[in-house]
Amino acid sequence: MSRTAREILIRPLMTEKHMRQKEEQNTVAFQVRPDANKVEIRSAVESVFNVKVTEVRTMNYEGKLKRMGRHQGRRASWKKAIVTLAAGHKIDLVEGA
């Protein structure tokens, strides 16, 4: 099953913690497809942003249970990837920040 790079990377995660890690450790966090593996994530980031990736770490998050009155539901489960870039490479996700 072949997927394009834009299908694998859903969105970048830009929280205070991830922005600090971006400056200190040269890492960028993305929300990715739950069925994507580390090799696919590495090639997707390298092709979309034209950078060299040295390491990919992934985490699976289970959706939280939520209630609305007496009805109960669940948020969607998702996967996060933290991508470490090679020295000298960087990704500018927010211009002017």
Protein backbone atom coordinates (compact mmCIF):
# COMPACT_ATOMS: atom_id res chain seq x y z
CA MET A 1 0.00 0.00 0.00
CA SER A 2 1.65 3.16 -1.21
CA ARG A 3 0.74 6.49 0.36
CA THR A 4 1.96 9.95 -0.48
CA ALA A 5 3.98 11.97 2.01
CA ARG A 6 1.13 14.43 2.52
CA GLU A 7 -1.19 11.58 3.50
CA ILE A 8 1.23 10.34 6.17
CA LEU A 9 1.86 13.73 7.85
CA ILE A 10 -1.47 15.05 9.16
CA ARG A 11 -0.32 18.23 10.91
CA PRO A 12 2.59 19.65 12.90
CA LEU A 13 2.16 19.87 16.66
CA MET A 14 3.08 23.34 17.89
CA THR A 15 2.78 23.42 21.67
CA GLU A 16 5.08 25.28 24.06
CA LYS A 17 6.92 22.06 24.84
CA HIS A 18 7.47 21.17 21.19
CA MET A 19 8.61 24.69 20.29
CA ARG A 20 11.17 24.54 23.12
CA GLN A 21 12.38 21.12 21.92
CA LYS A 22 12.63 22.52 18.40
CA GLU A 23 15.04 25.23 19.58
CA GLU A 24 17.07 23.12 22.04
CA GLN A 25 17.18 19.66 20.42
CA ASN A 26 16.38 20.39 16.74
CA THR A 27 13.28 18.17 16.80
CA VAL A 28 9.86 18.66 15.22
CA ALA A 29 6.64 16.90 16.26
CA PHE A 30 3.90 15.78 13.86
CA GLN A 31 0.57 14.07 14.13
CA VAL A 32 0.79 11.17 11.69
CA ARG A 33 -1.45 8.39 10.43
CA PRO A 34 -1.87 5.65 13.04
CA ASP A 35 -0.79 2.96 10.57
CA ALA A 36 2.38 4.77 9.40
CA ASN A 37 5.73 3.28 10.43
CA LYS A 38 9.02 5.03 11.18
CA VAL A 39 10.49 4.44 7.72
CA GLU A 40 7.44 6.00 6.03
CA ILE A 41 7.50 8.97 8.42
CA ARG A 42 11.22 9.56 7.80
CA SER A 43 10.84 9.53 4.01
CA ALA A 44 7.72 11.74 4.18
CA VAL A 45 9.46 14.45 6.27
CA GLU A 46 12.58 14.32 4.09
CA SER A 47 10.61 14.66 0.86
CA VAL A 48 8.14 17.35 1.99
CA PHE A 49 10.58 19.62 3.86
CA ASN A 50 13.83 18.73 2.03
CA VAL A 51 15.80 18.02 5.24
CA LYS A 52 17.91 15.14 6.60
CA VAL A 53 16.30 13.11 9.42
CA THR A 54 18.50 11.30 11.94
CA GLU A 55 15.91 9.77 14.28
CA VAL A 56 12.15 9.14 14.48
CA ARG A 57 10.32 8.37 17.73
CA THR A 58 6.62 7.48 17.73
CA MET A 59 3.93 7.37 20.38
CA ASN A 60 0.37 6.04 20.19
CA TYR A 61 -2.34 7.90 22.10
CA GLU A 62 -5.66 6.27 22.92
CA GLY A 63 -8.71 8.50 22.60
CA LYS A 64 -10.17 9.77 25.86
CA LEU A 65 -13.61 8.78 27.10
CA LYS A 66 -15.93 11.77 27.11
CA ARG A 67 -19.46 12.22 28.40
CA MET A 68 -22.24 14.46 27.18
CA GLY A 69 -24.99 14.11 29.76
CA ARG A 70 -25.75 10.43 30.04
CA HIS A 71 -24.23 9.58 26.66
CA GLN A 72 -20.67 8.39 26.51
CA GLY A 73 -18.31 8.58 23.57
CA ARG A 74 -14.63 8.41 22.76
CA ARG A 75 -12.29 10.83 21.04
CA ALA A 76 -10.28 9.50 18.14
CA SER A 77 -7.02 7.67 18.86
CA TRP A 78 -3.95 9.19 17.20
CA LYS A 79 -0.21 8.82 16.70
CA LYS A 80 2.56 11.35 17.34
CA ALA A 81 6.01 11.31 15.75
CA ILE A 82 8.97 13.30 17.06
CA VAL A 83 11.51 13.74 14.27
CA THR A 84 15.13 14.68 15.05
CA LEU A 85 16.83 16.61 12.25
CA ALA A 86 20.50 16.48 11.31
CA ALA A 87 22.77 19.35 12.36
CA GLY A 88 22.39 22.32 10.04
CA HIS A 89 18.87 21.37 8.94
CA LYS A 90 15.73 23.02 10.24
CA ILE A 91 12.02 23.36 9.45
CA ASP A 92 10.28 26.75 9.70
CA LEU A 93 6.66 25.94 10.54
CA VAL A 94 5.69 29.42 11.71
CA GLU A 95 7.01 32.43 9.86
CA GLY A 96 7.93 35.41 12.05
CA ALA A 97 7.69 33.53 15.33
